[in-house]
C-alpha atoms as a PDB file:
ATOM      1  CA  MET A   1      -2.466   6.179 -11.659  1.00  0.00           C
ATOM      2  CA  VAL A   2      -0.469   7.125  -8.617  1.00  0.00           C
ATOM      3  CA  GLU A   3       1.226   4.401  -6.575  1.00  0.00           C
ATOM      4  CA  LEU A   4       3.236   4.773  -3.392  1.00  0.00           C
ATOM      5  CA  ALA A   5       4.710   1.951  -1.342  1.00  0.00           C
ATOM      6  CA  VAL A   6       5.356   2.116   2.383  1.00  0.00           C
ATOM      7  CA  VAL A   7       8.310  -0.065   3.289  1.00  0.00           C
ATOM      8  CA  GLY A   8      10.335  -0.831   6.423  1.00  0.00           C
ATOM      9  CA  ALA A   9      11.555  -3.574   8.731  1.00  0.00           C
ATOM     10  CA  LYS A  10       9.079  -5.952  10.330  1.00  0.00           C
ATOM     11  CA  LYS A  11       7.095  -4.221  13.102  1.00  0.00           C
ATOM     12  CA  SER A  12       8.444  -0.853  12.112  1.00  0.00           C
ATOM     13  CA  GLY A  13       5.009   0.758  11.910  1.00  0.00           C
ATOM     14  CA  LYS A  14       4.250   0.442   8.176  1.00  0.00           C
ATOM     15  CA  THR A  15       0.547  -0.138   8.920  1.00  0.00           C
ATOM     16  CA  GLU A  16       0.411   2.912  11.133  1.00  0.00           C
ATOM     17  CA  VAL A  17       1.850   5.004   8.362  1.00  0.00           C
ATOM     18  CA  ILE A  18      -0.655   3.620   5.877  1.00  0.00           C
ATOM     19  CA  GLU A  19      -3.493   4.380   8.398  1.00  0.00           C
ATOM     20  CA  GLY A  20      -2.213   7.934   8.833  1.00  0.00           C
ATOM     21  CA  LEU A  21      -1.897   8.526   5.096  1.00  0.00           C
ATOM     22  CA  VAL A  22      -5.315   7.055   4.358  1.00  0.00           C
ATOM     23  CA  SER A  23      -6.924   9.285   7.007  1.00  0.00           C
ATOM     24  CA  TYR A  24      -5.161  12.373   5.736  1.00  0.00           C
ATOM     25  CA  LEU A  25      -5.876  11.789   2.093  1.00  0.00           C
ATOM     26  CA  VAL A  26      -9.476  10.615   2.472  1.00  0.00           C
ATOM     27  CA  GLY A  27     -10.067  13.685   4.669  1.00  0.00           C
ATOM     28  CA  ARG A  28      -9.100  15.857   1.724  1.00  0.00           C
ATOM     29  CA  GLY A  29     -11.348  14.117  -0.707  1.00  0.00           C
ATOM     30  CA  CYS A  30      -8.978  11.572  -2.284  1.00  0.00           C
ATOM     31  CA  ARG A  31     -10.117   8.163  -3.267  1.00  0.00           C
ATOM     32  CA  VAL A  32      -7.565   5.804  -1.775  1.00  0.00           C
ATOM     33  CA  ALA A  33      -6.994   2.027  -2.333  1.00  0.00           C
ATOM     34  CA  THR A  34      -4.621   0.013  -0.191  1.00  0.00           C
ATOM     35  CA  VAL A  35      -2.751  -3.174  -0.939  1.00  0.00           C
ATOM     36  CA  LYS A  36      -1.112  -5.314   1.765  1.00  0.00           C
ATOM     37  CA  HIS A  37       1.796  -7.093   0.144  1.00  0.00           C
ATOM     38  CA  THR A  38       3.316  -9.912   2.087  1.00  0.00           C
ATOM     39  CA  SER A  39       6.211 -12.164   1.365  1.00  0.00           C
ATOM     40  CA  HIS A  40       4.691 -14.976   3.377  1.00  0.00           C
ATOM     41  CA  SER A  41       2.550 -17.677   1.725  1.00  0.00           C
ATOM     42  CA  HIS A  42      -0.740 -17.917   3.452  1.00  0.00           C
ATOM     43  CA  ARG A  43      -4.438 -17.725   2.804  1.00  0.00           C
ATOM     44  CA  PHE A  44      -6.613 -14.808   3.756  1.00  0.00           C
ATOM     45  CA  ASP A  45      -9.973 -16.592   3.606  1.00  0.00           C
ATOM     46  CA  THR A  46     -11.228 -18.465   6.680  1.00  0.00           C
ATOM     47  CA  ARG A  47     -11.205 -22.219   6.744  1.00  0.00           C
ATOM     48  CA  GLY A  48     -14.726 -23.713   6.762  1.00  0.00           C
ATOM     49  CA  LYS A  49     -16.447 -20.563   5.377  1.00  0.00           C
ATOM     50  CA  ASP A  50     -18.431 -20.993   2.143  1.00  0.00           C
ATOM     51  CA  SER A  51     -16.014 -18.870   0.119  1.00  0.00           C
ATOM     52  CA  TYR A  52     -13.127 -21.024   1.322  1.00  0.00           C
ATOM     53  CA  ARG A  53     -14.981 -24.188   0.414  1.00  0.00           C
ATOM     54  CA  HIS A  54     -15.603 -22.776  -3.092  1.00  0.00           C
ATOM     55  CA  ARG A  55     -11.935 -22.303  -3.535  1.00  0.00           C
ATOM     56  CA  GLN A  56     -11.027 -25.681  -2.079  1.00  0.00           C
ATOM     57  CA  ALA A  57     -13.403 -27.197  -4.686  1.00  0.00           C
ATOM     58  CA  GLY A  58     -11.262 -25.606  -7.409  1.00  0.00           C
ATOM     59  CA  ALA A  59     -12.674 -22.135  -8.109  1.00  0.00           C
ATOM     60  CA  GLY A  60      -9.771 -19.877  -9.096  1.00  0.00           C
ATOM     61  CA  LEU A  61     -11.757 -16.748  -8.296  1.00  0.00           C
ATOM     62  CA  THR A  62     -14.370 -16.375  -5.539  1.00  0.00           C
ATOM     63  CA  ILE A  63     -16.171 -13.138  -4.725  1.00  0.00           C
ATOM     64  CA  ALA A  64     -18.003 -12.802  -1.387  1.00  0.00           C
ATOM     65  CA  VAL A  65     -20.625 -10.060  -1.264  1.00  0.00           C
ATOM     66  CA  SER A  66     -22.542  -8.712   1.796  1.00  0.00           C
ATOM     67  CA  GLY A  67     -24.437  -5.467   2.412  1.00  0.00           C
ATOM     68  CA  GLU A  68     -21.256  -3.936   3.741  1.00  0.00           C
ATOM     69  CA  GLU A  69     -18.382  -5.170   1.643  1.00  0.00           C
ATOM     70  CA  VAL A  70     -17.110  -7.158  -1.310  1.00  0.00           C
ATOM     71  CA  ALA A  71     -14.188  -9.532  -0.938  1.00  0.00           C
ATOM     72  CA  ILE A  72     -12.303 -11.063  -3.888  1.00  0.00           C
ATOM     73  CA  PHE A  73     -10.258 -14.184  -3.335  1.00  0.00           C
ATOM     74  CA  ALA A  74      -8.153 -15.288  -6.328  1.00  0.00           C
ATOM     75  CA  ARG A  75      -5.194 -17.375  -7.165  1.00  0.00           C
ATOM     76  CA  PRO A  76      -2.388 -15.007  -8.247  1.00  0.00           C
ATOM     77  CA  ASP A  77      -2.380 -16.554 -11.756  1.00  0.00           C
ATOM     78  CA  MET A  78      -6.008 -15.534 -12.196  1.00  0.00           C
ATOM     79  CA  LEU A  79      -6.046 -12.048 -10.785  1.00  0.00           C
ATOM     80  CA  ASP A  80      -3.100  -9.982  -9.604  1.00  0.00           C
ATOM     81  CA  THR A  81      -2.777  -6.451  -8.272  1.00  0.00           C
ATOM     82  CA  ARG A  82      -1.919  -4.963 -11.640  1.00  0.00           C
ATOM     83  CA  GLN A  83      -5.083  -6.419 -13.167  1.00  0.00           C
ATOM     84  CA  LEU A  84      -7.129  -4.994 -10.280  1.00  0.00           C
ATOM     85  CA  GLN A  85      -5.536  -1.609 -10.790  1.00  0.00           C
ATOM     86  CA  ASP A  86      -6.295  -1.730 -14.503  1.00  0.00           C
ATOM     87  CA  MET A  87      -9.946  -2.651 -13.826  1.00  0.00           C
ATOM     88  CA  ILE A  88     -10.793  -0.010 -11.200  1.00  0.00           C
ATOM     89  CA  GLY A  89      -7.904   2.487 -11.681  1.00  0.00           C
ATOM     90  CA  ARG A  90     -10.173   5.316 -12.751  1.00  0.00           C
ATOM     91  CA  GLN A  91     -12.099   5.051  -9.514  1.00  0.00           C
ATOM     92  CA  ILE A  92      -8.942   5.555  -7.358  1.00  0.00           C
ATOM     93  CA  ASP A  93      -6.665   8.576  -6.977  1.00  0.00           C
ATOM     94  CA  ILE A  94      -3.834   6.780  -5.177  1.00  0.00           C
ATOM     95  CA  TRP A  95      -2.867   3.226  -4.446  1.00  0.00           C
ATOM     96  CA  LEU A  96      -0.932   2.769  -1.194  1.00  0.00           C
ATOM     97  CA  ILE A  97       0.974  -0.469  -1.084  1.00  0.00           C
ATOM     98  CA  GLU A  98       2.254  -1.766   2.251  1.00  0.00           C
ATOM     99  CA  GLY A  99       5.437  -3.671   1.536  1.00  0.00           C
ATOM    100  CA  ASP A 100       6.738  -4.771  -1.850  1.00  0.00           C
ATOM    101  CA  ARG A 101      10.147  -3.209  -1.541  1.00  0.00           C
ATOM    102  CA  ARG A 102      11.330  -4.645  -4.890  1.00  0.00           C
ATOM    103  CA  ALA A 103       8.907  -2.844  -7.209  1.00  0.00           C
ATOM    104  CA  GLY A 104      10.105   0.271  -8.944  1.00  0.00           C
ATOM    105  CA  ARG A 105       7.330   2.565  -7.605  1.00  0.00           C
ATOM    106  CA  PRO A 106       8.133   5.478  -5.278  1.00  0.00           C
ATOM    107  CA  LYS A 107       8.551   4.460  -1.646  1.00  0.00           C
ATOM    108  CA  VAL A 108       8.280   5.921   1.832  1.00  0.00           C
ATOM    109  CA  MET A 109      10.739   4.201   4.165  1.00  0.00           C
ATOM    110  CA  VAL A 110       9.660   3.762   7.836  1.00  0.00           C
ATOM    111  CA  THR A 111      12.904   3.998   9.830  1.00  0.00           C
ATOM    112  CA  ARG A 112      11.940   2.436  13.154  1.00  0.00           C
ATOM    113  CA  HIS A 113      13.909  -0.813  13.661  1.00  0.00           C
ATOM    114  CA  LEU A 114      16.187   0.112  10.747  1.00  0.00           C
ATOM    115  CA  LYS A 115      19.054  -1.982  12.133  1.00  0.00           C
ATOM    116  CA  GLU A 116      16.798  -5.045  11.549  1.00  0.00           C
ATOM    117  CA  TRP A 117      16.375  -4.230   7.882  1.00  0.00           C
ATOM    118  CA  SER A 118      17.796  -7.065   5.760  1.00  0.00           C
ATOM    119  CA  GLY A 119      19.647  -6.421   2.547  1.00  0.00           C
ATOM    120  CA  GLY A 120      20.318  -3.141   0.866  1.00  0.00           C
ATOM    121  CA  LEU A 121      17.916  -0.207   0.827  1.00  0.00           C
ATOM    122  CA  PRO A 122      15.294  -0.291  -1.920  1.00  0.00           C
ATOM    123  CA  GLU A 123      15.367   2.074  -4.848  1.00  0.00           C
ATOM    124  CA  ASN A 124      13.066   5.110  -5.283  1.00  0.00           C
ATOM    125  CA  ILE A 125      12.829   6.201  -1.703  1.00  0.00           C
ATOM    126  CA  VAL A 126      11.103   9.624  -1.879  1.00  0.00           C
ATOM    127  CA  ALA A 127      10.800  10.189   1.861  1.00  0.00           C
ATOM    128  CA  THR A 128      11.406   8.650   5.293  1.00  0.00           C
ATOM    129  CA  ILE A 129       9.361   8.708   8.398  1.00  0.00           C
ATOM    130  CA  GLY A 130      10.400   7.686  11.818  1.00  0.00           C
ATOM    131  CA  PRO A 131      13.163   8.203  14.392  1.00  0.00           C
ATOM    132  CA  GLU A 132      16.161   7.822  12.006  1.00  0.00           C
ATOM    133  CA  ARG A 133      17.198   9.770   8.968  1.00  0.00           C
ATOM    134  CA  LEU A 134      18.807   8.278   5.866  1.00  0.00           C
ATOM    135  CA  ALA A 135      21.828  10.196   4.610  1.00  0.00           C
ATOM    136  CA  ASP A 136      20.769  10.161   0.932  1.00  0.00           C
ATOM    137  CA  VAL A 137      17.082  10.919   1.399  1.00  0.00           C
ATOM    138  CA  THR A 138      16.425  14.630   1.842  1.00  0.00           C
ATOM    139  CA  VAL A 139      12.723  14.477   2.739  1.00  0.00           C
ATOM    140  CA  HIS A 140      12.160  13.224   6.328  1.00  0.00           C
ATOM    141  CA  PHE A 141       9.188  13.266   8.719  1.00  0.00           C
ATOM    142  CA  ASP A 142       9.225  12.634  12.466  1.00  0.00           C
ATOM    143  CA  ALA A 143       7.355   9.491  13.593  1.00  0.00           C
ATOM    144  CA  GLY A 144       3.605  10.207  13.653  1.00  0.00           C
ATOM    145  CA  ASP A 145       3.756  13.286  11.363  1.00  0.00           C
ATOM    146  CA  TYR A 146       1.101  11.972   9.051  1.00  0.00           C
ATOM    147  CA  ASP A 147      -0.140  15.432   8.198  1.00  0.00           C
ATOM    148  CA  GLY A 148       3.356  16.394   7.006  1.00  0.00           C
ATOM    149  CA  LEU A 149       3.764  13.175   5.032  1.00  0.00           C
ATOM    150  CA  GLY A 150       0.279  13.459   3.643  1.00  0.00           C
ATOM    151  CA  ALA A 151       0.846  17.019   2.489  1.00  0.00           C
ATOM    152  CA  PHE A 152       4.084  15.927   0.828  1.00  0.00           C
ATOM    153  CA  VAL A 153       2.391  13.059  -0.992  1.00  0.00           C
ATOM    154  CA  SER A 154      -0.530  15.237  -1.999  1.00  0.00           C
ATOM    155  CA  GLY A 155       1.730  18.107  -3.199  1.00  0.00           C
ATOM    156  CA  THR A 156       4.288  16.074  -5.039  1.00  0.00           C
ATOM    157  CA  MET A 157       2.309  13.114  -6.380  1.00  0.00           C
ATOM    158  CA  LEU A 158      -1.417  13.757  -6.427  1.00  0.00           C
ATOM    159  CA  ASP A 159      -1.278  17.401  -7.608  1.00  0.00           C
ATOM    160  CA  LYS A 160       0.752  16.311 -10.538  1.00  0.00           C
ATOM    161  CA  LYS A 161      -1.753  13.684 -11.385  1.00  0.00           C
ATOM    162  CA  MET A 162      -4.636  16.199 -11.269  1.00  0.00           C
ATOM    163  CA  GLU A 163      -2.714  18.540 -13.533  1.00  0.00           C
ATOM    164  CA  ILE A 164      -2.196  15.767 -16.098  1.00  0.00           C
ATOM    165  CA  GLU A 165      -5.875  14.844 -15.979  1.00  0.00           C
ATOM    166  CA  LYS A 166      -7.076  18.409 -16.687  1.00  0.00           C
END
């Protein structure tokens, strides 16, 4: 399974980078999953909706199904990202994780608003994208160069995965 995190300061453009990568990779036939990691504690379900009410009543896992999508709402102790990856990993070529700077997976660092970054830089930065370069990261893409970043990810991460699977 290939994982890549996109990290950066708040409002740096992480979501734009994820969108650009998804578009590039899906356009080349890759099966992409995204995970939005947040350090804030909040609920994603909508107060008053049936699925919210199920959870309020005590359900640890609630699945909402419509003709267009499936949503899973779970307490983190019942279902976490790693468990989801294990369950559907064979259906996905790459997991793009927005945020989660502490995990050991490879990371793309968005360099807009870098002066607002708190703490030291994360480990395993494989590339940067944005207006500023980092001295110790050799692979850099200008802001908005999603084709370049996508080709890099495809060539260095996905192609290796495909070779292993052959």
